[in-house]
Amino acid sequence: HDTRTLDGALRGWWGTERSSRFRMAREPEFRAG
């Protein structure tokens, strides 16, 4: 299951990729798994 594509998943800042987390992007990259 690719958690990045689960439509019902609730999201938060700490689920984003560490390499880009502190860019504070409005459309972030979420971590897999």
PDB file of all heavy atoms in Angstrom:
ATOM      1  N   HIS A   1       0.846  -1.190   0.000  1.00  0.00           N
ATOM      2  CA  HIS A   1       0.000   0.000   0.000  1.00  0.00           C
ATOM      3  C   HIS A   1       0.886   1.247   0.000  1.00  0.00           C
ATOM      4  O   HIS A   1       1.708   1.437   0.903  1.00  0.00           O
ATOM      5  CB  HIS A   1      -0.903   0.026   1.234  1.00  0.00           C
ATOM      6  CG  HIS A   1      -1.844  -1.121   1.315  1.00  0.00           C
ATOM      7  ND1 HIS A   1      -2.935  -1.268   0.476  1.00  0.00           N
ATOM      8  CD2 HIS A   1      -1.862  -2.203   2.145  1.00  0.00           C
ATOM      9  CE1 HIS A   1      -3.586  -2.382   0.777  1.00  0.00           C
ATOM     10  NE2 HIS A   1      -2.952  -2.969   1.785  1.00  0.00           N
ATOM     11  N   ASP A   2       0.740   2.090  -0.988  1.00  0.00           N
ATOM     12  CA  ASP A   2       1.488   3.336  -1.066  1.00  0.00           C
ATOM     13  C   ASP A   2       0.730   4.388  -0.260  1.00  0.00           C
ATOM     14  O   ASP A   2      -0.306   4.904  -0.711  1.00  0.00           O
ATOM     15  CB  ASP A   2       1.636   3.779  -2.521  1.00  0.00           C
ATOM     16  CG  ASP A   2       2.547   4.988  -2.679  1.00  0.00           C
ATOM     17  OD1 ASP A   2       2.886   5.622  -1.660  1.00  0.00           O
ATOM     18  OD2 ASP A   2       2.917   5.305  -3.821  1.00  0.00           O
ATOM     19  N   THR A   3       1.222   4.688   0.934  1.00  0.00           N
ATOM     20  CA  THR A   3       0.499   5.624   1.799  1.00  0.00           C
ATOM     21  C   THR A   3       0.408   7.022   1.194  1.00  0.00           C
ATOM     22  O   THR A   3      -0.437   7.820   1.593  1.00  0.00           O
ATOM     23  CB  THR A   3       1.163   5.712   3.184  1.00  0.00           C
ATOM     24  OG1 THR A   3       2.527   6.132   3.040  1.00  0.00           O
ATOM     25  CG2 THR A   3       1.122   4.369   3.898  1.00  0.00           C
ATOM     26  N   ARG A   4       1.256   7.317   0.224  1.00  0.00           N
ATOM     27  CA  ARG A   4       1.221   8.639  -0.408  1.00  0.00           C
ATOM     28  C   ARG A   4      -0.024   8.831  -1.270  1.00  0.00           C
ATOM     29  O   ARG A   4      -0.389   9.965  -1.598  1.00  0.00           O
ATOM     30  CB  ARG A   4       2.486   8.852  -1.250  1.00  0.00           C
ATOM     31  CG  ARG A   4       3.769   8.899  -0.428  1.00  0.00           C
ATOM     32  CD  ARG A   4       5.002   8.825  -1.294  1.00  0.00           C
ATOM     33  NE  ARG A   4       5.094   7.543  -2.005  1.00  0.00           N
ATOM     34  CZ  ARG A   4       6.134   7.163  -2.733  1.00  0.00           C
ATOM     35  NH1 ARG A   4       7.183   7.960  -2.859  1.00  0.00           N
ATOM     36  NH2 ARG A   4       6.137   5.984  -3.346  1.00  0.00           N
ATOM     37  N   THR A   5      -0.678   7.729  -1.627  1.00  0.00           N
ATOM     38  CA  THR A   5      -1.841   7.816  -2.514  1.00  0.00           C
ATOM     39  C   THR A   5      -3.146   7.397  -1.830  1.00  0.00           C
ATOM     40  O   THR A   5      -4.168   7.233  -2.508  1.00  0.00           O
ATOM     41  CB  THR A   5      -1.631   6.947  -3.769  1.00  0.00           C
ATOM     42  OG1 THR A   5      -1.480   5.577  -3.381  1.00  0.00           O
ATOM     43  CG2 THR A   5      -0.390   7.395  -4.529  1.00  0.00           C
ATOM     44  N   LEU A   6      -3.116   7.218  -0.527  1.00  0.00           N
ATOM     45  CA  LEU A   6      -4.331   6.848   0.197  1.00  0.00           C
ATOM     46  C   LEU A   6      -5.193   8.097   0.379  1.00  0.00           C
ATOM     47  O   LEU A   6      -4.856   8.997   1.155  1.00  0.00           O
ATOM     48  CB  LEU A   6      -3.988   6.225   1.551  1.00  0.00           C
ATOM     49  CG  LEU A   6      -3.308   4.855   1.521  1.00  0.00           C
ATOM     50  CD1 LEU A   6      -2.913   4.419   2.921  1.00  0.00           C
ATOM     51  CD2 LEU A   6      -4.211   3.806   0.871  1.00  0.00           C
ATOM     52  N   ASP A   7      -6.297   8.164  -0.320  1.00  0.00           N
ATOM     53  CA  ASP A   7      -7.103   9.383  -0.343  1.00  0.00           C
ATOM     54  C   ASP A   7      -7.644   9.774   1.025  1.00  0.00           C
ATOM     55  O   ASP A   7      -7.819  10.950   1.314  1.00  0.00           O
ATOM     56  CB  ASP A   7      -8.276   9.218  -1.325  1.00  0.00           C
ATOM     57  CG  ASP A   7      -7.813   9.152  -2.774  1.00  0.00           C
ATOM     58  OD1 ASP A   7      -6.705   9.637  -3.055  1.00  0.00           O
ATOM     59  OD2 ASP A   7      -8.571   8.610  -3.604  1.00  0.00           O
ATOM     60  N   GLY A   8      -7.945   8.791   1.838  1.00  0.00           N
ATOM     61  CA  GLY A   8      -8.558   9.104   3.124  1.00  0.00           C
ATOM     62  C   GLY A   8      -7.567   9.447   4.223  1.00  0.00           C
ATOM     63  O   GLY A   8      -7.985   9.755   5.348  1.00  0.00           O
ATOM     64  N   ALA A   9      -6.282   9.380   3.937  1.00  0.00           N
ATOM     65  CA  ALA A   9      -5.278   9.589   4.982  1.00  0.00           C
ATOM     66  C   ALA A   9      -5.253  11.035   5.457  1.00  0.00           C
ATOM     67  O   ALA A   9      -5.247  11.963   4.640  1.00  0.00           O
ATOM     68  CB  ALA A   9      -3.901   9.189   4.457  1.00  0.00           C
ATOM     69  N   LEU A  10      -5.235  11.219   6.769  1.00  0.00           N
ATOM     70  CA  LEU A  10      -5.025  12.544   7.347  1.00  0.00           C
ATOM     71  C   LEU A  10      -3.531  12.844   7.308  1.00  0.00           C
ATOM     72  O   LEU A  10      -2.702  11.952   7.480  1.00  0.00           O
ATOM     73  CB  LEU A  10      -5.556  12.589   8.773  1.00  0.00           C
ATOM     74  CG  LEU A  10      -7.066  12.359   8.921  1.00  0.00           C
ATOM     75  CD1 LEU A  10      -7.454  12.332  10.393  1.00  0.00           C
ATOM     76  CD2 LEU A  10      -7.863  13.421   8.177  1.00  0.00           C
ATOM     77  N   ARG A  11      -3.194  14.110   7.138  1.00  0.00           N
ATOM     78  CA  ARG A  11      -1.797  14.466   6.920  1.00  0.00           C
ATOM     79  C   ARG A  11      -1.288  15.466   7.959  1.00  0.00           C
ATOM     80  O   ARG A  11      -2.059  16.247   8.516  1.00  0.00           O
ATOM     81  CB  ARG A  11      -1.629  15.080   5.519  1.00  0.00           C
ATOM     82  CG  ARG A  11      -2.000  14.159   4.371  1.00  0.00           C
ATOM     83  CD  ARG A  11      -1.098  12.930   4.319  1.00  0.00           C
ATOM     84  NE  ARG A  11      -1.386  12.095   3.140  1.00  0.00           N
ATOM     85  CZ  ARG A  11      -0.791  10.944   2.905  1.00  0.00           C
ATOM     86  NH1 ARG A  11       0.116  10.464   3.746  1.00  0.00           N
ATOM     87  NH2 ARG A  11      -1.090  10.250   1.828  1.00  0.00           N
ATOM     88  N   GLY A  12       0.020  15.420   8.162  1.00  0.00           N
ATOM     89  CA  GLY A  12       0.683  16.376   9.041  1.00  0.00           C
ATOM     90  C   GLY A  12       2.111  16.608   8.586  1.00  0.00           C
ATOM     91  O   GLY A  12       2.665  15.859   7.771  1.00  0.00           O
ATOM     92  N   TRP A  13       2.732  17.635   9.148  1.00  0.00           N
ATOM     93  CA  TRP A  13       4.060  18.057   8.727  1.00  0.00           C
ATOM     94  C   TRP A  13       5.097  16.955   8.880  1.00  0.00           C
ATOM     95  O   TRP A  13       5.991  16.775   8.058  1.00  0.00           O
ATOM     96  CB  TRP A  13       4.457  19.295   9.550  1.00  0.00           C
ATOM     97  CG  TRP A  13       5.770  19.912   9.185  1.00  0.00           C
ATOM     98  CD1 TRP A  13       6.294  20.084   7.933  1.00  0.00           C
ATOM     99  CD2 TRP A  13       6.729  20.460  10.090  1.00  0.00           C
ATOM    100  NE1 TRP A  13       7.511  20.726   8.003  1.00  0.00           N
ATOM    101  CE2 TRP A  13       7.810  20.968   9.316  1.00  0.00           C
ATOM    102  CE3 TRP A  13       6.781  20.594  11.481  1.00  0.00           C
ATOM    103  CZ2 TRP A  13       8.922  21.574   9.894  1.00  0.00           C
ATOM    104  CZ3 TRP A  13       7.877  21.213  12.045  1.00  0.00           C
ATOM    105  CH2 TRP A  13       8.937  21.692  11.268  1.00  0.00           C
ATOM    106  N   TRP A  14       4.992  16.176   9.948  1.00  0.00           N
ATOM    107  CA  TRP A  14       6.036  15.185  10.237  1.00  0.00           C
ATOM    108  C   TRP A  14       5.975  13.965   9.316  1.00  0.00           C
ATOM    109  O   TRP A  14       6.863  13.137   9.325  1.00  0.00           O
ATOM    110  CB  TRP A  14       5.972  14.748  11.702  1.00  0.00           C
ATOM    111  CG  TRP A  14       7.332  14.630  12.320  1.00  0.00           C
ATOM    112  CD1 TRP A  14       7.963  13.477  12.707  1.00  0.00           C
ATOM    113  CD2 TRP A  14       8.238  15.691  12.619  1.00  0.00           C
ATOM    114  NE1 TRP A  14       9.200  13.758  13.229  1.00  0.00           N
ATOM    115  CE2 TRP A  14       9.408  15.121  13.194  1.00  0.00           C
ATOM    116  CE3 TRP A  14       8.192  17.078  12.466  1.00  0.00           C
ATOM    117  CZ2 TRP A  14      10.500  15.868  13.609  1.00  0.00           C
ATOM    118  CZ3 TRP A  14       9.273  17.829  12.889  1.00  0.00           C
ATOM    119  CH2 TRP A  14      10.407  17.225  13.444  1.00  0.00           C
ATOM    120  N   GLY A  15       4.946  13.888   8.502  1.00  0.00           N
ATOM    121  CA  GLY A  15       4.882  12.805   7.524  1.00  0.00           C
ATOM    122  C   GLY A  15       5.568  13.136   6.214  1.00  0.00           C
ATOM    123  O   GLY A  15       5.564  12.320   5.294  1.00  0.00           O
ATOM    124  N   THR A  16       6.166  14.318   6.128  1.00  0.00           N
ATOM    125  CA  THR A  16       6.825  14.716   4.887  1.00  0.00           C
ATOM    126  C   THR A  16       8.262  14.221   4.830  1.00  0.00           C
ATOM    127  O   THR A  16       8.857  13.858   5.853  1.00  0.00           O
ATOM    128  CB  THR A  16       6.815  16.248   4.746  1.00  0.00           C
ATOM    129  OG1 THR A  16       7.524  16.834   5.847  1.00  0.00           O
ATOM    130  CG2 THR A  16       5.388  16.783   4.721  1.00  0.00           C
ATOM    131  N   GLU A  17       8.818  14.241   3.619  1.00  0.00           N
ATOM    132  CA  GLU A  17      10.215  13.830   3.431  1.00  0.00           C
ATOM    133  C   GLU A  17      11.142  14.731   4.244  1.00  0.00           C
ATOM    134  O   GLU A  17      11.000  15.958   4.234  1.00  0.00           O
ATOM    135  CB  GLU A  17      10.597  13.920   1.948  1.00  0.00           C
ATOM    136  CG  GLU A  17       9.956  12.863   1.073  1.00  0.00           C
ATOM    137  CD  GLU A  17      10.584  11.484   1.263  1.00  0.00           C
ATOM    138  OE1 GLU A  17      11.544  11.360   2.059  1.00  0.00           O
ATOM    139  OE2 GLU A  17      10.114  10.539   0.609  1.00  0.00           O
ATOM    140  N   ARG A  18      12.091  14.119   4.920  1.00  0.00           N
ATOM    141  CA  ARG A  18      12.989  14.898   5.755  1.00  0.00           C
ATOM    142  C   ARG A  18      13.852  15.861   4.936  1.00  0.00           C
ATOM    143  O   ARG A  18      14.175  16.960   5.394  1.00  0.00           O
ATOM    144  CB  ARG A  18      13.876  13.957   6.571  1.00  0.00           C
ATOM    145  CG  ARG A  18      13.124  13.254   7.683  1.00  0.00           C
ATOM    146  CD  ARG A  18      13.960  12.201   8.359  1.00  0.00           C
ATOM    147  NE  ARG A  18      13.237  11.585   9.471  1.00  0.00           N
ATOM    148  CZ  ARG A  18      13.641  10.489  10.099  1.00  0.00           C
ATOM    149  NH1 ARG A  18      14.753   9.867   9.706  1.00  0.00           N
ATOM    150  NH2 ARG A  18      12.947   9.997  11.105  1.00  0.00           N
ATOM    151  N   SER A  19      14.186  15.450   3.736  1.00  0.00           N
ATOM    152  CA  SER A  19      15.064  16.279   2.916  1.00  0.00           C
ATOM    153  C   SER A  19      14.415  17.595   2.506  1.00  0.00           C
ATOM    154  O   SER A  19      15.112  18.574   2.208  1.00  0.00           O
ATOM    155  CB  SER A  19      15.489  15.506   1.654  1.00  0.00           C
ATOM    156  OG  SER A  19      14.341  15.156   0.889  1.00  0.00           O
ATOM    157  N   SER A  20      13.087  17.627   2.500  1.00  0.00           N
ATOM    158  CA  SER A  20      12.390  18.848   2.084  1.00  0.00           C
ATOM    159  C   SER A  20      11.469  19.405   3.166  1.00  0.00           C
ATOM    160  O   SER A  20      10.755  20.379   2.927  1.00  0.00           O
ATOM    161  CB  SER A  20      11.575  18.574   0.816  1.00  0.00           C
ATOM    162  OG  SER A  20      10.632  17.533   1.042  1.00  0.00           O
ATOM    163  N   ARG A  21      11.493  18.819   4.344  1.00  0.00           N
ATOM    164  CA  ARG A  21      10.540  19.183   5.392  1.00  0.00           C
ATOM    165  C   ARG A  21      10.618  20.661   5.759  1.00  0.00           C
ATOM    166  O   ARG A  21       9.594  21.331   5.977  1.00  0.00           O
ATOM    167  CB  ARG A  21      10.784  18.308   6.625  1.00  0.00           C
ATOM    168  CG  ARG A  21       9.803  18.563   7.769  1.00  0.00           C
ATOM    169  CD  ARG A  21      10.006  17.560   8.881  1.00  0.00           C
ATOM    170  NE  ARG A  21       9.698  16.198   8.424  1.00  0.00           N
ATOM    171  CZ  ARG A  21      10.068  15.097   9.077  1.00  0.00           C
ATOM    172  NH1 ARG A  21      10.788  15.189  10.188  1.00  0.00           N
ATOM    173  NH2 ARG A  21       9.743  13.909   8.617  1.00  0.00           N
ATOM    174  N   PHE A  22      11.802  21.195   5.837  1.00  0.00           N
ATOM    175  CA  PHE A  22      11.948  22.565   6.323  1.00  0.00           C
ATOM    176  C   PHE A  22      11.829  23.609   5.209  1.00  0.00           C
ATOM    177  O   PHE A  22      12.067  24.795   5.427  1.00  0.00           O
ATOM    178  CB  PHE A  22      13.260  22.710   7.094  1.00  0.00           C
ATOM    179  CG  PHE A  22      13.201  22.015   8.426  1.00  0.00           C
ATOM    180  CD1 PHE A  22      13.606  20.691   8.548  1.00  0.00           C
ATOM    181  CD2 PHE A  22      12.685  22.648   9.542  1.00  0.00           C
ATOM    182  CE1 PHE A  22      13.520  20.022   9.759  1.00  0.00           C
ATOM    183  CE2 PHE A  22      12.591  21.995  10.758  1.00  0.00           C
ATOM    184  CZ  PHE A  22      13.003  20.679  10.878  1.00  0.00           C
ATOM    185  N   ARG A  23      11.420  23.171   4.024  1.00  0.00           N
ATOM    186  CA  ARG A  23      11.083  24.133   2.974  1.00  0.00           C
ATOM    187  C   ARG A  23       9.667  24.681   3.170  1.00  0.00           C
ATOM    188  O   ARG A  23       9.275  25.656   2.521  1.00  0.00           O
ATOM    189  CB  ARG A  23      11.196  23.477   1.596  1.00  0.00           C
ATOM    190  CG  ARG A  23      12.618  23.043   1.234  1.00  0.00           C
ATOM    191  CD  ARG A  23      12.625  22.297  -0.097  1.00  0.00           C
ATOM    192  NE  ARG A  23      13.907  21.632  -0.323  1.00  0.00           N
ATOM    193  CZ  ARG A  23      14.111  20.698  -1.241  1.00  0.00           C
ATOM    194  NH1 ARG A  23      13.106  20.301  -2.026  1.00  0.00           N
ATOM    195  NH2 ARG A  23      15.299  20.131  -1.391  1.00  0.00           N
ATOM    196  N   MET A  24       8.898  24.010   4.026  1.00  0.00           N
ATOM    197  CA  MET A  24       7.554  24.457   4.374  1.00  0.00           C
ATOM    198  C   MET A  24       6.652  24.600   3.139  1.00  0.00           C
ATOM    199  O   MET A  24       5.867  25.540   3.005  1.00  0.00           O
ATOM    200  CB  MET A  24       7.593  25.796   5.119  1.00  0.00           C
ATOM    201  CG  MET A  24       8.555  25.827   6.287  1.00  0.00           C
ATOM    202  SD  MET A  24       8.031  24.692   7.608  1.00  0.00           S
ATOM    203  CE  MET A  24       9.142  25.195   8.934  1.00  0.00           C
ATOM    204  N   ALA A  25       6.769  23.672   2.199  1.00  0.00           N
ATOM    205  CA  ALA A  25       6.015  23.766   0.951  1.00  0.00           C
ATOM    206  C   ALA A  25       4.523  23.543   1.177  1.00  0.00           C
ATOM    207  O   ALA A  25       4.110  22.740   2.022  1.00  0.00           O
ATOM    208  CB  ALA A  25       6.537  22.739  -0.042  1.00  0.00           C
ATOM    209  N   ARG A  26       3.720  24.257   0.408  1.00  0.00           N
ATOM    210  CA  ARG A  26       2.268  24.076   0.494  1.00  0.00           C
ATOM    211  C   ARG A  26       1.849  22.723  -0.069  1.00  0.00           C
ATOM    212  O   ARG A  26       0.870  22.119   0.368  1.00  0.00           O
ATOM    213  CB  ARG A  26       1.562  25.206  -0.264  1.00  0.00           C
ATOM    214  CG  ARG A  26       0.041  25.105  -0.224  1.00  0.00           C
ATOM    215  CD  ARG A  26      -0.606  26.358  -0.754  1.00  0.00           C
ATOM    216  NE  ARG A  26      -0.379  27.487   0.148  1.00  0.00           N
ATOM    217  CZ  ARG A  26      -0.715  28.746  -0.131  1.00  0.00           C
ATOM    218  NH1 ARG A  26      -1.275  29.023  -1.303  1.00  0.00           N
ATOM    219  NH2 ARG A  26      -0.491  29.707   0.733  1.00  0.00           N
ATOM    220  N   GLU A  27       2.567  22.243  -1.071  1.00  0.00           N
ATOM    221  CA  GLU A  27       2.313  20.933  -1.665  1.00  0.00           C
ATOM    222  C   GLU A  27       3.531  20.053  -1.386  1.00  0.00           C
ATOM    223  O   GLU A  27       4.424  19.935  -2.214  1.00  0.00           O
ATOM    224  CB  GLU A  27       2.078  21.069  -3.175  1.00  0.00           C
ATOM    225  CG  GLU A  27       0.863  21.906  -3.541  1.00  0.00           C
ATOM    226  CD  GLU A  27      -0.432  21.301  -3.041  1.00  0.00           C
ATOM    227  OE1 GLU A  27      -0.486  20.057  -2.898  1.00  0.00           O
ATOM    228  OE2 GLU A  27      -1.384  22.053  -2.789  1.00  0.00           O
ATOM    229  N   PRO A  28       3.580  19.433  -0.220  1.00  0.00           N
ATOM    230  CA  PRO A  28       4.794  18.725   0.209  1.00  0.00           C
ATOM    231  C   PRO A  28       4.932  17.337  -0.422  1.00  0.00           C
ATOM    232  O   PRO A  28       3.985  16.799  -1.010  1.00  0.00           O
ATOM    233  CB  PRO A  28       4.591  18.596   1.714  1.00  0.00           C
ATOM    234  CG  PRO A  28       3.104  18.492   1.859  1.00  0.00           C
ATOM    235  CD  PRO A  28       2.527  19.382   0.791  1.00  0.00           C
ATOM    236  N   GLU A  29       6.121  16.799  -0.270  1.00  0.00           N
ATOM    237  CA  GLU A  29       6.373  15.407  -0.615  1.00  0.00           C
ATOM    238  C   GLU A  29       6.202  14.576   0.653  1.00  0.00           C
ATOM    239  O   GLU A  29       6.898  14.825   1.644  1.00  0.00           O
ATOM    240  CB  GLU A  29       7.802  15.226  -1.129  1.00  0.00           C
ATOM    241  CG  GLU A  29       8.168  16.038  -2.341  1.00  0.00           C
ATOM    242  CD  GLU A  29       9.659  15.896  -2.625  1.00  0.00           C
ATOM    243  OE1 GLU A  29      10.025  14.936  -3.340  1.00  0.00           O
ATOM    244  OE2 GLU A  29      10.441  16.719  -2.122  1.00  0.00           O
ATOM    245  N   PHE A  30       5.315  13.608   0.617  1.00  0.00           N
ATOM    246  CA  PHE A  30       5.119  12.760   1.791  1.00  0.00           C
ATOM    247  C   PHE A  30       6.011  11.527   1.722  1.00  0.00           C
ATOM    248  O   PHE A  30       6.346  11.044   0.631  1.00  0.00           O
ATOM    249  CB  PHE A  30       3.651  12.360   1.931  1.00  0.00           C
ATOM    250  CG  PHE A  30       2.787  13.487   2.398  1.00  0.00           C
ATOM    251  CD1 PHE A  30       2.014  14.212   1.501  1.00  0.00           C
ATOM    252  CD2 PHE A  30       2.780  13.856   3.728  1.00  0.00           C
ATOM    253  CE1 PHE A  30       1.225  15.264   1.923  1.00  0.00           C
ATOM    254  CE2 PHE A  30       2.001  14.907   4.172  1.00  0.00           C
ATOM    255  CZ  PHE A  30       1.227  15.616   3.266  1.00  0.00           C
ATOM    256  N   ARG A  31       6.388  11.036   2.875  1.00  0.00           N
ATOM    257  CA  ARG A  31       7.228   9.852   2.960  1.00  0.00           C
ATOM    258  C   ARG A  31       6.416   8.618   2.565  1.00  0.00           C
ATOM    259  O   ARG A  31       5.195   8.557   2.765  1.00  0.00           O
ATOM    260  CB  ARG A  31       7.769   9.673   4.386  1.00  0.00           C
ATOM    261  CG  ARG A  31       8.598  10.839   4.881  1.00  0.00           C
ATOM    262  CD  ARG A  31       9.063  10.629   6.297  1.00  0.00           C
ATOM    263  NE  ARG A  31      10.121   9.611   6.358  1.00  0.00           N
ATOM    264  CZ  ARG A  31      10.621   9.135   7.505  1.00  0.00           C
ATOM    265  NH1 ARG A  31      10.143   9.545   8.660  1.00  0.00           N
ATOM    266  NH2 ARG A  31      11.579   8.240   7.477  1.00  0.00           N
ATOM    267  N   ALA A  32       7.092   7.640   2.021  1.00  0.00           N
ATOM    268  CA  ALA A  32       6.444   6.367   1.687  1.00  0.00           C
ATOM    269  C   ALA A  32       6.265   5.537   2.958  1.00  0.00           C
ATOM    270  O   ALA A  32       6.927   5.761   3.974  1.00  0.00           O
ATOM    271  CB  ALA A  32       7.283   5.607   0.673  1.00  0.00           C
ATOM    272  N   GLY A  33       5.384   4.586   2.914  1.00  0.00           N
ATOM    273  CA  GLY A  33       5.214   3.648   4.022  1.00  0.00           C
ATOM    274  C   GLY A  33       4.509   4.265   5.218  1.00  0.00           C
ATOM    275  O   GLY A  33       3.945   5.360   5.158  1.00  0.00           O
TER     276      GLY A  33
END
